[in-house]
Amino acid sequence: MKKITYADQTVHWEDWWHGYYYGAFYIFPPEAVMKEVDALRAQYDPKSAGFCRAHISLSEPLQRKITLADVDALRSDLGSIPPFEISYGPLRTHPPYPGVTYTIRPEEEFDTLRKVIHGNQLFQGVELKRSKIVPHMTIAEFITMEQTHKLFEKLKGEVTSGTFWCKEIVLAVPDNEMYFHPVLSIPLGTGS
């Protein structure tokens, strides 16, 4: 496992950023999909785009550094989960919360993946606050409800839906400016 570098200048961080210090697991779409969604994020929610490229949030934030033993256990557990095709779209909103996202399916495979990850020793004792959040890929989240309705109406006929294969999960950690960088990939379906 390659050495992971964590932020070392966090005095200026907002309070909630500290909860993500050790990163979290995500699904990143292929580059072509990422570019398309990143362009929407940059246009309609530069704040959100300023944290990370297009992604699907998968796990709770890590509460400690990931160890080689954690990675080995995850590799073993994820080895039994075959890669699966993800469908993104149509667009949706999440009342009462503001934001416009792509719907992500199939939820069953996503939920299985999330449960396997959260079953790892890395998440022992961690409250699973996000486990009931439906899978989604965000276009805009730091907007008002009024902006949400307008953006949804504007984009619902413009953006395309699509599919891609989920073949790995990715740990991404924030740098000093709270921008998340992929630092570790763990493949699915290796048969381990």
N, C-alpha and C. Protein backbone atom coordinates (compact mmCIF):
# COMPACT_ATOMS: atom_id res chain seq x y z
N MET A 1 0.85 -1.18 0.00
CA MET A 1 0.00 0.00 0.00
C MET A 1 0.89 1.24 0.00
N LYS A 2 0.59 2.14 -0.91
CA LYS A 2 1.34 3.40 -1.01
C LYS A 2 1.04 4.27 0.20
N LYS A 3 2.05 4.99 0.68
CA LYS A 3 1.86 5.88 1.83
C LYS A 3 0.84 6.97 1.49
N ILE A 4 -0.10 7.19 2.40
CA ILE A 4 -1.12 8.21 2.20
C ILE A 4 -0.70 9.48 2.93
N THR A 5 -0.75 10.59 2.23
CA THR A 5 -0.42 11.88 2.82
C THR A 5 -1.71 12.57 3.23
N TYR A 6 -1.76 12.99 4.50
CA TYR A 6 -2.94 13.68 5.03
C TYR A 6 -2.64 15.17 5.16
N ALA A 7 -3.69 15.96 5.18
CA ALA A 7 -3.55 17.41 5.32
C ALA A 7 -2.76 17.74 6.58
N ASP A 8 -1.91 18.76 6.50
CA ASP A 8 -1.14 19.16 7.68
C ASP A 8 -1.34 20.63 8.03
N GLN A 9 -2.24 21.29 7.32
CA GLN A 9 -2.57 22.69 7.62
C GLN A 9 -4.09 22.84 7.59
N THR A 10 -4.71 22.60 8.75
CA THR A 10 -6.17 22.55 8.80
C THR A 10 -6.79 23.63 9.69
N VAL A 11 -5.99 24.58 10.14
CA VAL A 11 -6.49 25.63 11.04
C VAL A 11 -7.63 26.40 10.39
N HIS A 12 -7.55 26.61 9.09
CA HIS A 12 -8.57 27.39 8.37
C HIS A 12 -9.79 26.56 7.97
N TRP A 13 -9.79 25.26 8.25
CA TRP A 13 -10.90 24.40 7.85
C TRP A 13 -12.18 24.77 8.58
N GLU A 14 -13.31 24.63 7.89
CA GLU A 14 -14.61 24.75 8.53
C GLU A 14 -14.78 23.55 9.46
N ASP A 15 -15.61 23.70 10.49
CA ASP A 15 -15.75 22.64 11.49
C ASP A 15 -16.08 21.28 10.88
N TRP A 16 -17.04 21.23 9.96
CA TRP A 16 -17.48 19.94 9.43
C TRP A 16 -16.41 19.26 8.58
N TRP A 17 -15.46 20.01 8.07
CA TRP A 17 -14.41 19.42 7.25
C TRP A 17 -13.57 18.43 8.04
N HIS A 18 -13.37 18.71 9.33
CA HIS A 18 -12.50 17.85 10.15
C HIS A 18 -13.01 16.41 10.22
N GLY A 19 -14.32 16.22 10.09
CA GLY A 19 -14.87 14.88 10.10
C GLY A 19 -14.42 14.03 8.93
N TYR A 20 -13.91 14.68 7.89
CA TYR A 20 -13.46 13.98 6.68
C TYR A 20 -11.93 13.89 6.59
N TYR A 21 -11.25 14.21 7.66
CA TYR A 21 -9.78 14.29 7.64
C TYR A 21 -9.13 13.03 7.04
N TYR A 22 -9.62 11.85 7.44
CA TYR A 22 -9.03 10.60 6.96
C TYR A 22 -9.68 10.09 5.67
N GLY A 23 -10.58 10.88 5.10
CA GLY A 23 -11.20 10.52 3.83
C GLY A 23 -12.41 9.64 3.97
N ALA A 24 -12.86 9.13 2.85
CA ALA A 24 -14.02 8.24 2.77
C ALA A 24 -13.90 7.46 1.46
N PHE A 25 -14.75 6.43 1.34
CA PHE A 25 -14.76 5.63 0.12
C PHE A 25 -15.82 6.15 -0.84
N TYR A 26 -15.45 6.13 -2.12
CA TYR A 26 -16.31 6.65 -3.18
C TYR A 26 -16.26 5.73 -4.38
N ILE A 27 -17.24 5.91 -5.26
CA ILE A 27 -17.19 5.34 -6.60
C ILE A 27 -16.99 6.53 -7.53
N PHE A 28 -15.94 6.48 -8.30
CA PHE A 28 -15.69 7.52 -9.30
C PHE A 28 -16.07 6.97 -10.68
N PRO A 29 -16.87 7.71 -11.44
CA PRO A 29 -17.21 7.23 -12.78
C PRO A 29 -16.01 7.33 -13.71
N PRO A 30 -16.11 6.74 -14.89
CA PRO A 30 -15.03 6.87 -15.87
C PRO A 30 -14.82 8.34 -16.26
N GLU A 31 -13.65 8.63 -16.79
CA GLU A 31 -13.25 10.00 -17.09
C GLU A 31 -14.26 10.75 -17.96
N ALA A 32 -14.81 10.11 -18.98
CA ALA A 32 -15.76 10.80 -19.87
C ALA A 32 -17.00 11.24 -19.11
N VAL A 33 -17.51 10.39 -18.24
CA VAL A 33 -18.68 10.74 -17.42
C VAL A 33 -18.30 11.82 -16.42
N MET A 34 -17.12 11.66 -15.80
CA MET A 34 -16.67 12.65 -14.82
C MET A 34 -16.57 14.03 -15.44
N LYS A 35 -16.01 14.12 -16.63
CA LYS A 35 -15.87 15.43 -17.29
C LYS A 35 -17.23 16.08 -17.51
N GLU A 36 -18.19 15.29 -17.96
CA GLU A 36 -19.54 15.81 -18.23
C GLU A 36 -20.18 16.33 -16.94
N VAL A 37 -20.11 15.53 -15.88
CA VAL A 37 -20.73 15.91 -14.61
C VAL A 37 -19.94 17.04 -13.95
N ASP A 38 -18.61 17.00 -14.05
CA ASP A 38 -17.79 18.08 -13.49
C ASP A 38 -18.13 19.43 -14.11
N ALA A 39 -18.42 19.44 -15.41
CA ALA A 39 -18.78 20.69 -16.08
C ALA A 39 -20.08 21.25 -15.51
N LEU A 40 -21.04 20.38 -15.25
CA LEU A 40 -22.30 20.82 -14.63
C LEU A 40 -22.07 21.32 -13.22
N ARG A 41 -21.25 20.60 -12.46
CA ARG A 41 -20.95 21.00 -11.08
C ARG A 41 -20.26 22.36 -11.06
N ALA A 42 -19.30 22.56 -11.93
CA ALA A 42 -18.57 23.84 -11.97
C ALA A 42 -19.50 24.99 -12.33
N GLN A 43 -20.45 24.73 -13.21
CA GLN A 43 -21.36 25.78 -13.65
C GLN A 43 -22.43 26.10 -12.60
N TYR A 44 -23.00 25.06 -11.97
CA TYR A 44 -24.16 25.27 -11.11
C TYR A 44 -23.87 25.21 -9.62
N ASP A 45 -22.72 24.71 -9.23
CA ASP A 45 -22.36 24.70 -7.81
C ASP A 45 -20.83 24.65 -7.67
N PRO A 46 -20.17 25.79 -7.94
CA PRO A 46 -18.70 25.81 -7.86
C PRO A 46 -18.16 25.41 -6.49
N LYS A 47 -18.93 25.67 -5.43
CA LYS A 47 -18.46 25.29 -4.09
C LYS A 47 -18.31 23.77 -4.00
N SER A 48 -19.33 23.05 -4.41
CA SER A 48 -19.28 21.59 -4.39
C SER A 48 -18.18 21.08 -5.31
N ALA A 49 -18.08 21.67 -6.50
CA ALA A 49 -17.04 21.26 -7.45
C ALA A 49 -15.65 21.51 -6.89
N GLY A 50 -15.54 22.47 -5.98
CA GLY A 50 -14.25 22.80 -5.38
C GLY A 50 -13.76 21.81 -4.35
N PHE A 51 -14.60 20.83 -4.00
CA PHE A 51 -14.20 19.81 -3.03
C PHE A 51 -13.71 18.52 -3.67
N CYS A 52 -14.32 18.15 -4.80
CA CYS A 52 -14.03 16.83 -5.37
C CYS A 52 -14.60 16.74 -6.78
N ARG A 53 -14.03 15.88 -7.57
CA ARG A 53 -14.59 15.59 -8.89
C ARG A 53 -15.90 14.81 -8.71
N ALA A 54 -16.61 14.61 -9.79
CA ALA A 54 -17.87 13.87 -9.75
C ALA A 54 -17.65 12.50 -9.12
N HIS A 55 -18.57 12.11 -8.24
CA HIS A 55 -18.41 10.87 -7.49
C HIS A 55 -19.75 10.42 -6.93
N ILE A 56 -19.76 9.19 -6.43
CA ILE A 56 -20.89 8.66 -5.68
C ILE A 56 -20.35 8.34 -4.30
N SER A 57 -20.87 9.01 -3.28
CA SER A 57 -20.42 8.76 -1.91
C SER A 57 -20.84 7.36 -1.49
N LEU A 58 -19.92 6.65 -0.85
CA LEU A 58 -20.17 5.26 -0.52
C LEU A 58 -20.14 5.00 0.98
N SER A 59 -19.15 5.53 1.68
CA SER A 59 -19.00 5.19 3.10
C SER A 59 -19.10 6.41 4.00
N GLU A 60 -19.18 6.11 5.27
CA GLU A 60 -19.01 7.14 6.29
C GLU A 60 -17.56 7.62 6.20
N PRO A 61 -17.27 8.80 6.67
CA PRO A 61 -15.87 9.23 6.74
C PRO A 61 -15.08 8.31 7.68
N LEU A 62 -13.84 8.03 7.33
CA LEU A 62 -12.98 7.25 8.20
C LEU A 62 -12.65 8.05 9.45
N GLN A 63 -12.54 7.38 10.58
CA GLN A 63 -12.24 8.04 11.84
C GLN A 63 -10.79 7.87 12.27
N ARG A 64 -10.04 7.14 11.45
CA ARG A 64 -8.61 6.92 11.72
C ARG A 64 -7.92 6.60 10.41
N LYS A 65 -6.59 6.55 10.47
CA LYS A 65 -5.82 6.17 9.29
C LYS A 65 -6.13 4.73 8.92
N ILE A 66 -6.23 4.49 7.64
CA ILE A 66 -6.43 3.13 7.16
C ILE A 66 -5.09 2.39 7.26
N THR A 67 -5.14 1.13 7.67
CA THR A 67 -3.93 0.32 7.82
C THR A 67 -3.87 -0.73 6.71
N LEU A 68 -2.72 -1.35 6.58
CA LEU A 68 -2.57 -2.44 5.62
C LEU A 68 -3.52 -3.58 5.97
N ALA A 69 -3.72 -3.86 7.26
CA ALA A 69 -4.66 -4.91 7.67
C ALA A 69 -6.09 -4.56 7.24
N ASP A 70 -6.46 -3.28 7.35
CA ASP A 70 -7.79 -2.85 6.89
C ASP A 70 -7.94 -3.09 5.39
N VAL A 71 -6.91 -2.71 4.65
CA VAL A 71 -6.94 -2.85 3.19
C VAL A 71 -7.02 -4.32 2.81
N ASP A 72 -6.21 -5.17 3.46
CA ASP A 72 -6.24 -6.60 3.16
C ASP A 72 -7.62 -7.19 3.43
N ALA A 73 -8.23 -6.80 4.55
CA ALA A 73 -9.57 -7.30 4.88
C ALA A 73 -10.60 -6.82 3.86
N LEU A 74 -10.50 -5.56 3.47
CA LEU A 74 -11.42 -5.04 2.45
C LEU A 74 -11.23 -5.75 1.11
N ARG A 75 -9.97 -5.97 0.72
CA ARG A 75 -9.70 -6.68 -0.54
C ARG A 75 -10.34 -8.07 -0.51
N SER A 76 -10.20 -8.74 0.61
CA SER A 76 -10.77 -10.07 0.76
C SER A 76 -12.30 -10.03 0.68
N ASP A 77 -12.90 -9.12 1.43
CA ASP A 77 -14.37 -9.01 1.45
C ASP A 77 -14.92 -8.58 0.10
N LEU A 78 -14.27 -7.63 -0.54
CA LEU A 78 -14.76 -7.12 -1.82
C LEU A 78 -14.47 -8.07 -2.98
N GLY A 79 -13.56 -9.01 -2.75
CA GLY A 79 -13.25 -9.98 -3.79
C GLY A 79 -14.42 -10.86 -4.16
N SER A 80 -15.38 -11.00 -3.24
CA SER A 80 -16.55 -11.84 -3.52
C SER A 80 -17.69 -11.06 -4.18
N ILE A 81 -17.54 -9.76 -4.33
CA ILE A 81 -18.58 -8.94 -4.96
C ILE A 81 -18.18 -8.68 -6.40
N PRO A 82 -18.95 -9.19 -7.34
CA PRO A 82 -18.58 -8.98 -8.74
C PRO A 82 -18.80 -7.53 -9.17
N PRO A 83 -18.01 -7.06 -10.13
CA PRO A 83 -18.29 -5.73 -10.68
C PRO A 83 -19.73 -5.69 -11.18
N PHE A 84 -20.32 -4.51 -11.16
CA PHE A 84 -21.71 -4.38 -11.60
C PHE A 84 -21.90 -3.08 -12.35
N GLU A 85 -22.91 -3.07 -13.19
CA GLU A 85 -23.20 -1.90 -14.01
C GLU A 85 -24.04 -0.90 -13.22
N ILE A 86 -23.60 0.34 -13.21
CA ILE A 86 -24.31 1.42 -12.55
C ILE A 86 -25.03 2.25 -13.60
N SER A 87 -26.27 2.55 -13.31
CA SER A 87 -27.06 3.45 -14.14
C SER A 87 -27.15 4.79 -13.43
N TYR A 88 -26.81 5.87 -14.14
CA TYR A 88 -26.95 7.20 -13.54
C TYR A 88 -27.99 7.98 -14.34
N GLY A 89 -28.90 8.61 -13.61
CA GLY A 89 -30.02 9.33 -14.20
C GLY A 89 -31.29 8.51 -14.04
N PRO A 90 -32.41 9.14 -14.12
CA PRO A 90 -32.65 10.55 -14.40
C PRO A 90 -32.27 11.43 -13.21
N LEU A 91 -32.45 12.73 -13.38
CA LEU A 91 -32.19 13.66 -12.29
C LEU A 91 -33.25 13.53 -11.22
N ARG A 92 -32.89 13.94 -10.01
CA ARG A 92 -33.83 13.93 -8.90
C ARG A 92 -33.47 15.03 -7.92
N THR A 93 -34.40 15.30 -7.02
CA THR A 93 -34.16 16.20 -5.89
C THR A 93 -34.38 15.39 -4.63
N HIS A 94 -34.04 15.97 -3.48
CA HIS A 94 -34.11 15.24 -2.21
C HIS A 94 -34.82 16.06 -1.14
N PRO A 95 -36.10 16.43 -1.36
CA PRO A 95 -36.79 17.23 -0.34
C PRO A 95 -36.74 16.54 1.02
N PRO A 96 -36.58 17.26 2.10
CA PRO A 96 -36.61 18.71 2.24
C PRO A 96 -35.24 19.37 2.03
N TYR A 97 -34.27 18.62 1.54
CA TYR A 97 -32.92 19.15 1.37
C TYR A 97 -32.74 19.73 -0.03
N PRO A 98 -31.98 20.80 -0.15
CA PRO A 98 -31.73 21.36 -1.48
C PRO A 98 -30.73 20.50 -2.24
N GLY A 99 -30.77 20.61 -3.55
CA GLY A 99 -29.79 19.91 -4.37
C GLY A 99 -30.42 19.18 -5.53
N VAL A 100 -29.63 19.00 -6.57
CA VAL A 100 -30.03 18.24 -7.76
C VAL A 100 -28.96 17.19 -8.00
N THR A 101 -29.41 15.95 -8.17
CA THR A 101 -28.47 14.83 -8.33
C THR A 101 -28.95 13.88 -9.42
N TYR A 102 -28.05 13.02 -9.84
CA TYR A 102 -28.42 11.90 -10.68
C TYR A 102 -28.89 10.77 -9.76
N THR A 103 -29.96 10.09 -10.14
CA THR A 103 -30.37 8.86 -9.47
C THR A 103 -29.33 7.80 -9.80
N ILE A 104 -28.99 6.96 -8.82
CA ILE A 104 -28.03 5.88 -9.04
C ILE A 104 -28.73 4.55 -8.79
N ARG A 105 -28.59 3.64 -9.75
CA ARG A 105 -29.17 2.30 -9.61
C ARG A 105 -28.14 1.28 -10.09
N PRO A 106 -28.20 0.04 -9.67
CA PRO A 106 -29.20 -0.57 -8.80
C PRO A 106 -28.87 -0.33 -7.34
N GLU A 107 -29.88 0.02 -6.58
CA GLU A 107 -29.68 0.31 -5.16
C GLU A 107 -29.25 -0.93 -4.38
N GLU A 108 -29.74 -2.11 -4.78
CA GLU A 108 -29.43 -3.34 -4.03
C GLU A 108 -27.93 -3.62 -4.02
N GLU A 109 -27.31 -3.56 -5.19
CA GLU A 109 -25.87 -3.82 -5.27
C GLU A 109 -25.08 -2.74 -4.53
N PHE A 110 -25.54 -1.51 -4.66
CA PHE A 110 -24.89 -0.40 -3.96
C PHE A 110 -24.98 -0.62 -2.45
N ASP A 111 -26.18 -1.00 -1.96
CA ASP A 111 -26.37 -1.23 -0.53
C ASP A 111 -25.50 -2.39 -0.03
N THR A 112 -25.39 -3.44 -0.84
CA THR A 112 -24.54 -4.58 -0.47
C THR A 112 -23.09 -4.12 -0.34
N LEU A 113 -22.64 -3.36 -1.30
CA LEU A 113 -21.27 -2.84 -1.28
C LEU A 113 -21.04 -1.99 -0.04
N ARG A 114 -21.97 -1.12 0.25
CA ARG A 114 -21.87 -0.24 1.43
C ARG A 114 -21.83 -1.07 2.72
N LYS A 115 -22.66 -2.11 2.81
CA LYS A 115 -22.69 -2.95 4.02
C LYS A 115 -21.37 -3.69 4.21
N VAL A 116 -20.82 -4.20 3.12
CA VAL A 116 -19.53 -4.91 3.21
C VAL A 116 -18.44 -3.96 3.69
N ILE A 117 -18.41 -2.77 3.14
CA ILE A 117 -17.40 -1.78 3.55
C ILE A 117 -17.57 -1.42 5.01
N HIS A 118 -18.81 -1.13 5.42
CA HIS A 118 -19.05 -0.73 6.80
C HIS A 118 -18.90 -1.89 7.78
N GLY A 119 -18.87 -3.13 7.28
CA GLY A 119 -18.62 -4.28 8.13
C GLY A 119 -17.14 -4.47 8.45
N ASN A 120 -16.29 -3.72 7.78
CA ASN A 120 -14.85 -3.80 8.00
C ASN A 120 -14.49 -3.21 9.36
N GLN A 121 -13.42 -3.73 9.95
CA GLN A 121 -12.94 -3.27 11.26
C GLN A 121 -12.67 -1.77 11.28
N LEU A 122 -12.43 -1.19 10.14
CA LEU A 122 -12.18 0.24 10.01
C LEU A 122 -13.36 1.07 10.50
N PHE A 123 -14.56 0.49 10.44
CA PHE A 123 -15.77 1.23 10.82
C PHE A 123 -16.38 0.74 12.12
N GLN A 124 -15.63 -0.08 12.88
CA GLN A 124 -16.14 -0.54 14.17
C GLN A 124 -16.43 0.65 15.07
N GLY A 125 -17.65 0.69 15.61
CA GLY A 125 -18.02 1.76 16.53
C GLY A 125 -18.39 3.07 15.86
N VAL A 126 -18.35 3.12 14.53
CA VAL A 126 -18.70 4.34 13.80
C VAL A 126 -20.21 4.34 13.56
N GLU A 127 -20.86 5.43 13.94
CA GLU A 127 -22.30 5.56 13.70
C GLU A 127 -22.53 5.69 12.19
N LEU A 128 -23.42 4.87 11.67
CA LEU A 128 -23.68 4.85 10.24
C LEU A 128 -24.80 5.82 9.89
N LYS A 129 -24.50 7.09 9.98
CA LYS A 129 -25.50 8.15 9.77
C LYS A 129 -25.96 8.23 8.31
N ARG A 130 -25.12 7.88 7.40
CA ARG A 130 -25.44 8.06 5.98
C ARG A 130 -26.00 6.80 5.32
N SER A 131 -26.17 5.74 6.10
CA SER A 131 -26.57 4.46 5.50
C SER A 131 -27.95 4.48 4.87
N LYS A 132 -28.79 5.42 5.25
CA LYS A 132 -30.14 5.50 4.68
C LYS A 132 -30.23 6.52 3.53
N ILE A 133 -29.14 7.19 3.23
CA ILE A 133 -29.15 8.15 2.12
C ILE A 133 -29.12 7.37 0.81
N VAL A 134 -30.07 7.68 -0.06
CA VAL A 134 -30.12 6.96 -1.34
C VAL A 134 -28.88 7.30 -2.16
N PRO A 135 -28.38 6.32 -2.91
CA PRO A 135 -27.21 6.59 -3.74
C PRO A 135 -27.51 7.67 -4.78
N HIS A 136 -26.55 8.55 -4.98
CA HIS A 136 -26.74 9.65 -5.93
C HIS A 136 -25.38 10.20 -6.35
N MET A 137 -25.39 10.91 -7.46
CA MET A 137 -24.20 11.62 -7.93
C MET A 137 -24.61 13.09 -8.06
N THR A 138 -23.97 13.94 -7.27
CA THR A 138 -24.39 15.32 -7.12
C THR A 138 -23.97 16.21 -8.28
N ILE A 139 -24.92 17.04 -8.70
CA ILE A 139 -24.63 18.15 -9.61
C ILE A 139 -24.50 19.42 -8.78
N ALA A 140 -25.47 19.66 -7.89
CA ALA A 140 -25.44 20.86 -7.04
C ALA A 140 -26.05 20.53 -5.69
N GLU A 141 -25.39 20.99 -4.62
CA GLU A 141 -25.92 20.77 -3.27
C GLU A 141 -25.91 22.04 -2.43
N PHE A 142 -24.97 22.93 -2.67
CA PHE A 142 -24.88 24.15 -1.88
C PHE A 142 -25.69 25.25 -2.56
N ILE A 143 -26.99 24.98 -2.69
CA ILE A 143 -27.92 25.91 -3.31
C ILE A 143 -29.19 25.96 -2.46
N THR A 144 -30.04 26.93 -2.73
CA THR A 144 -31.30 27.07 -1.98
C THR A 144 -32.36 26.14 -2.58
N MET A 145 -33.49 26.01 -1.87
CA MET A 145 -34.59 25.21 -2.40
C MET A 145 -35.15 25.85 -3.67
N GLU A 146 -35.21 27.17 -3.70
CA GLU A 146 -35.70 27.85 -4.90
C GLU A 146 -34.77 27.56 -6.08
N GLN A 147 -33.47 27.65 -5.85
CA GLN A 147 -32.50 27.33 -6.90
C GLN A 147 -32.62 25.86 -7.31
N THR A 148 -32.90 24.99 -6.34
CA THR A 148 -33.07 23.57 -6.62
C THR A 148 -34.19 23.35 -7.63
N HIS A 149 -35.35 23.94 -7.37
CA HIS A 149 -36.50 23.76 -8.27
C HIS A 149 -36.20 24.30 -9.66
N LYS A 150 -35.60 25.48 -9.73
CA LYS A 150 -35.28 26.08 -11.03
C LYS A 150 -34.25 25.24 -11.80
N LEU A 151 -33.21 24.79 -11.10
CA LEU A 151 -32.17 24.01 -11.76
C LEU A 151 -32.71 22.66 -12.24
N PHE A 152 -33.52 22.02 -11.41
CA PHE A 152 -34.11 20.74 -11.80
C PHE A 152 -34.94 20.90 -13.07
N GLU A 153 -35.79 21.92 -13.10
CA GLU A 153 -36.63 22.16 -14.28
C GLU A 153 -35.77 22.46 -15.51
N LYS A 154 -34.71 23.21 -15.33
CA LYS A 154 -33.83 23.57 -16.45
C LYS A 154 -33.10 22.35 -17.01
N LEU A 155 -32.57 21.51 -16.10
CA LEU A 155 -31.70 20.42 -16.54
C LEU A 155 -32.41 19.11 -16.87
N LYS A 156 -33.62 18.91 -16.36
CA LYS A 156 -34.23 17.58 -16.50
C LYS A 156 -34.38 17.12 -17.94
N GLY A 157 -34.54 18.03 -18.87
CA GLY A 157 -34.63 17.63 -20.26
C GLY A 157 -33.32 17.76 -21.03
N GLU A 158 -32.31 18.30 -20.37
CA GLU A 158 -31.03 18.56 -21.05
C GLU A 158 -29.97 17.50 -20.81
N VAL A 159 -29.86 17.03 -19.57
CA VAL A 159 -28.76 16.11 -19.26
C VAL A 159 -29.12 14.68 -19.65
N THR A 160 -28.12 13.94 -20.00
CA THR A 160 -28.34 12.57 -20.43
C THR A 160 -28.09 11.60 -19.28
N SER A 161 -28.77 10.49 -19.34
CA SER A 161 -28.53 9.38 -18.42
C SER A 161 -27.54 8.45 -19.08
N GLY A 162 -27.01 7.51 -18.32
CA GLY A 162 -26.07 6.58 -18.90
C GLY A 162 -25.72 5.47 -17.94
N THR A 163 -24.75 4.68 -18.31
CA THR A 163 -24.29 3.57 -17.47
C THR A 163 -22.77 3.50 -17.50
N PHE A 164 -22.23 2.90 -16.47
CA PHE A 164 -20.81 2.56 -16.44
C PHE A 164 -20.63 1.41 -15.47
N TRP A 165 -19.49 0.75 -15.56
CA TRP A 165 -19.23 -0.39 -14.69
C TRP A 165 -18.50 0.04 -13.43
N CYS A 166 -18.99 -0.43 -12.30
CA CYS A 166 -18.30 -0.23 -11.02
C CYS A 166 -17.38 -1.43 -10.84
N LYS A 167 -16.07 -1.18 -10.94
CA LYS A 167 -15.08 -2.25 -10.84
C LYS A 167 -14.20 -2.12 -9.61
N GLU A 168 -14.35 -0.98 -8.90
CA GLU A 168 -13.49 -0.72 -7.75
C GLU A 168 -14.14 0.32 -6.85
N ILE A 169 -13.65 0.36 -5.62
CA ILE A 169 -13.98 1.47 -4.73
C ILE A 169 -12.70 2.26 -4.52
N VAL A 170 -12.85 3.53 -4.20
CA VAL A 170 -11.69 4.40 -4.11
C VAL A 170 -11.74 5.18 -2.80
N LEU A 171 -10.62 5.15 -2.07
CA LEU A 171 -10.47 6.01 -0.90
C LEU A 171 -9.92 7.34 -1.39
N ALA A 172 -10.61 8.41 -1.05
CA ALA A 172 -10.13 9.76 -1.39
C ALA A 172 -9.98 10.54 -0.09
N VAL A 173 -8.89 11.29 0.03
CA VAL A 173 -8.65 12.09 1.23
C VAL A 173 -8.44 13.55 0.83
N PRO A 174 -8.83 14.46 1.72
CA PRO A 174 -8.69 15.88 1.39
C PRO A 174 -7.28 16.40 1.63
N ASP A 175 -6.91 17.39 0.82
CA ASP A 175 -5.64 18.08 1.03
C ASP A 175 -5.87 19.29 1.94
N ASN A 176 -4.88 20.14 2.07
CA ASN A 176 -5.00 21.31 2.96
C ASN A 176 -6.13 22.25 2.57
N GLU A 177 -6.50 22.25 1.30
CA GLU A 177 -7.58 23.13 0.82
C GLU A 177 -8.92 22.41 0.76
N MET A 178 -9.00 21.21 1.35
CA MET A 178 -10.21 20.40 1.39
C MET A 178 -10.65 19.94 -0.01
N TYR A 179 -9.67 19.63 -0.84
CA TYR A 179 -9.98 19.03 -2.14
C TYR A 179 -9.60 17.56 -2.05
N PHE A 180 -10.55 16.69 -2.37
CA PHE A 180 -10.35 15.25 -2.22
C PHE A 180 -9.59 14.67 -3.41
N HIS A 181 -8.57 13.86 -3.08
CA HIS A 181 -7.75 13.19 -4.09
C HIS A 181 -7.84 11.68 -3.89
N PRO A 182 -8.03 10.92 -4.96
CA PRO A 182 -8.00 9.46 -4.84
C PRO A 182 -6.60 9.01 -4.41
N VAL A 183 -6.55 8.14 -3.39
CA VAL A 183 -5.25 7.68 -2.89
C VAL A 183 -5.12 6.16 -2.87
N LEU A 184 -6.26 5.46 -2.99
CA LEU A 184 -6.22 4.00 -2.89
C LEU A 184 -7.43 3.43 -3.62
N SER A 185 -7.20 2.45 -4.48
CA SER A 185 -8.29 1.75 -5.17
C SER A 185 -8.29 0.30 -4.74
N ILE A 186 -9.48 -0.23 -4.50
CA ILE A 186 -9.62 -1.64 -4.14
C ILE A 186 -10.60 -2.26 -5.14
N PRO A 187 -10.14 -3.26 -5.91
CA PRO A 187 -10.99 -3.83 -6.96
C PRO A 187 -12.08 -4.74 -6.39
N LEU A 188 -13.15 -4.86 -7.16
CA LEU A 188 -14.22 -5.80 -6.85
C LEU A 188 -13.97 -7.08 -7.63
N GLY A 189 -14.52 -8.18 -7.10
CA GLY A 189 -14.57 -9.43 -7.85
C GLY A 189 -13.26 -10.10 -8.17
N THR A 190 -12.29 -9.97 -7.28
CA THR A 190 -11.00 -10.62 -7.54
C THR A 190 -11.02 -12.08 -7.12
N GLY A 191 -12.10 -12.50 -6.44
CA GLY A 191 -12.21 -13.88 -6.00
C GLY A 191 -11.41 -14.19 -4.76
N SER A 192 -10.89 -13.17 -4.09
CA SER A 192 -10.07 -13.37 -2.89
C SER A 192 -10.88 -13.93 -1.76
